[in-house]
């Protein structure tokens, strides 16, 4: 059973930056895409960014130009570089592995708070 562990969240001032990491406890086969979601209590989750197994990236309009998704296959790690952070970016961020022919995986989430 592979586990995903996020880190890198925390408190940052508006305009600041954070880099989230998501480490898989082992190699994952059959991956279609790695994704970052964010979810606030009482609200619908939002797909923030996605990177396919071929390296194609997509972003939510709300984060385009500010966030960058990347991965390091050798380290089984997914990243989300977040720049120019805004108070509305303050939610819990989750990494998610899509496996078209197998079980998907979710991380436990990491809290991001943007406040002065």
Protein backbone atom coordinates (compact mmCIF):
# COMPACT_ATOMS: atom_id res chain seq x y z
CA UNK A 1 0.00 0.00 0.00
CA UNK A 2 1.60 3.22 -1.18
CA UNK A 3 1.20 6.30 0.99
CA UNK A 4 1.42 9.91 -0.12
CA UNK A 5 2.75 12.41 2.38
CA UNK A 6 2.47 16.14 1.76
CA UNK A 7 4.59 18.78 3.40
CA UNK A 8 5.56 22.39 2.93
CA UNK A 9 2.38 24.07 4.03
CA UNK A 10 2.31 26.79 6.62
CA UNK A 11 1.68 30.46 7.26
CA UNK A 12 2.87 33.02 4.74
CA UNK A 13 2.15 36.68 4.11
CA UNK A 14 0.24 37.78 1.03
CA UNK A 15 2.59 37.91 -1.93
CA UNK A 16 4.83 35.28 -0.43
CA UNK A 17 5.78 31.83 -1.68
CA UNK A 18 5.60 28.25 -0.54
CA UNK A 19 6.63 24.97 -2.10
CA UNK A 20 4.53 21.93 -1.37
CA UNK A 21 5.96 18.45 -1.68
CA UNK A 22 4.23 15.11 -1.95
CA UNK A 23 6.37 12.05 -1.43
CA UNK A 24 5.22 8.57 -2.32
CA UNK A 25 6.38 5.83 0.03
CA UNK A 26 7.28 3.69 -2.96
CA UNK A 27 7.15 3.58 -6.73
CA UNK A 28 3.68 3.75 -8.25
CA UNK A 29 3.00 1.91 -11.47
CA UNK A 30 0.35 2.75 -13.99
CA UNK A 31 0.16 6.46 -13.19
CA UNK A 32 -1.96 8.55 -15.53
CA UNK A 33 -1.44 11.87 -13.81
CA UNK A 34 -0.31 13.52 -10.60
CA UNK A 35 -2.55 16.27 -9.31
CA UNK A 36 -2.89 18.87 -6.61
CA UNK A 37 -6.34 19.59 -5.27
CA UNK A 38 -7.40 22.07 -2.66
CA UNK A 39 -10.43 21.92 -0.49
CA UNK A 40 -11.91 24.23 2.08
CA UNK A 41 -14.42 22.99 4.62
CA UNK A 42 -17.93 23.43 3.30
CA UNK A 43 -16.83 24.12 -0.23
CA UNK A 44 -16.27 22.01 -3.30
CA UNK A 45 -12.76 20.86 -4.00
CA UNK A 46 -10.78 22.52 -6.78
CA UNK A 47 -8.32 20.88 -9.11
CA UNK A 48 -5.35 23.22 -8.83
CA UNK A 49 -2.81 21.64 -11.15
CA UNK A 50 -2.11 18.41 -12.95
CA UNK A 51 0.87 16.82 -14.64
CA UNK A 52 0.49 13.73 -16.80
CA UNK A 53 2.89 10.84 -17.08
CA UNK A 54 4.14 12.52 -20.26
CA UNK A 55 4.77 15.81 -18.48
CA UNK A 56 1.82 17.80 -19.79
CA UNK A 57 0.67 20.36 -17.24
CA UNK A 58 -2.64 22.08 -16.71
CA UNK A 59 -3.71 24.67 -14.17
CA UNK A 60 -6.85 26.17 -12.75
CA UNK A 61 -7.46 29.69 -14.02
CA UNK A 62 -7.21 30.95 -10.45
CA UNK A 63 -3.55 29.92 -10.17
CA UNK A 64 -2.21 30.26 -13.72
CA UNK A 65 0.99 32.25 -13.80
CA UNK A 66 1.47 31.88 -10.04
CA UNK A 67 1.72 28.14 -9.38
CA UNK A 68 3.98 25.57 -11.02
CA UNK A 69 3.57 21.81 -10.76
CA UNK A 70 6.53 19.51 -11.28
CA UNK A 71 7.70 16.05 -10.33
CA UNK A 72 10.91 14.20 -9.69
CA UNK A 73 10.39 10.60 -10.70
CA UNK A 74 13.67 9.49 -9.19
CA UNK A 75 12.51 10.74 -5.80
CA UNK A 76 8.85 9.71 -6.22
CA UNK A 77 8.02 13.32 -5.38
CA UNK A 78 5.50 15.82 -6.68
CA UNK A 79 5.92 19.54 -6.11
CA UNK A 80 3.77 22.63 -6.24
CA UNK A 81 5.62 25.93 -6.28
CA UNK A 82 3.23 28.64 -5.20
CA UNK A 83 4.16 32.27 -5.74
CA UNK A 84 2.29 35.54 -5.26
CA UNK A 85 0.05 33.88 -2.71
CA UNK A 86 -3.29 35.43 -1.88
CA UNK A 87 -5.54 35.06 1.16
CA UNK A 88 -8.00 33.10 -0.96
CA UNK A 89 -5.30 30.44 -1.47
CA UNK A 90 -5.71 29.57 2.22
CA UNK A 91 -7.07 26.01 2.22
CA UNK A 92 -5.88 22.45 2.60
CA UNK A 93 -3.91 21.10 -0.35
CA UNK A 94 -3.94 17.42 -1.29
CA UNK A 95 -1.90 15.48 -3.76
CA UNK A 96 -3.67 12.84 -5.80
CA UNK A 97 -2.41 10.12 -8.09
CA UNK A 98 -4.66 9.03 -10.93
CA UNK A 99 -4.29 5.44 -12.03
CA UNK A 100 -6.64 4.62 -14.92
CA UNK A 101 -6.34 0.85 -14.33
CA UNK A 102 -5.80 0.72 -10.62
CA UNK A 103 -6.47 2.30 -7.29
CA UNK A 104 -6.04 6.06 -7.04
CA UNK A 105 -4.13 7.51 -4.10
CA UNK A 106 -4.74 10.58 -1.93
CA UNK A 107 -2.43 12.26 0.50
CA UNK A 108 -3.48 13.46 3.93
CA UNK A 109 -3.30 17.14 3.05
CA UNK A 110 -1.26 20.11 4.12
CA UNK A 111 -2.67 23.42 5.33
CA UNK A 112 -1.72 26.66 3.63
CA UNK A 113 -2.60 29.93 5.33
CA UNK A 114 -1.99 33.27 3.66
CA UNK A 115 -2.42 36.12 6.08
CA UNK A 116 -0.71 39.27 7.26
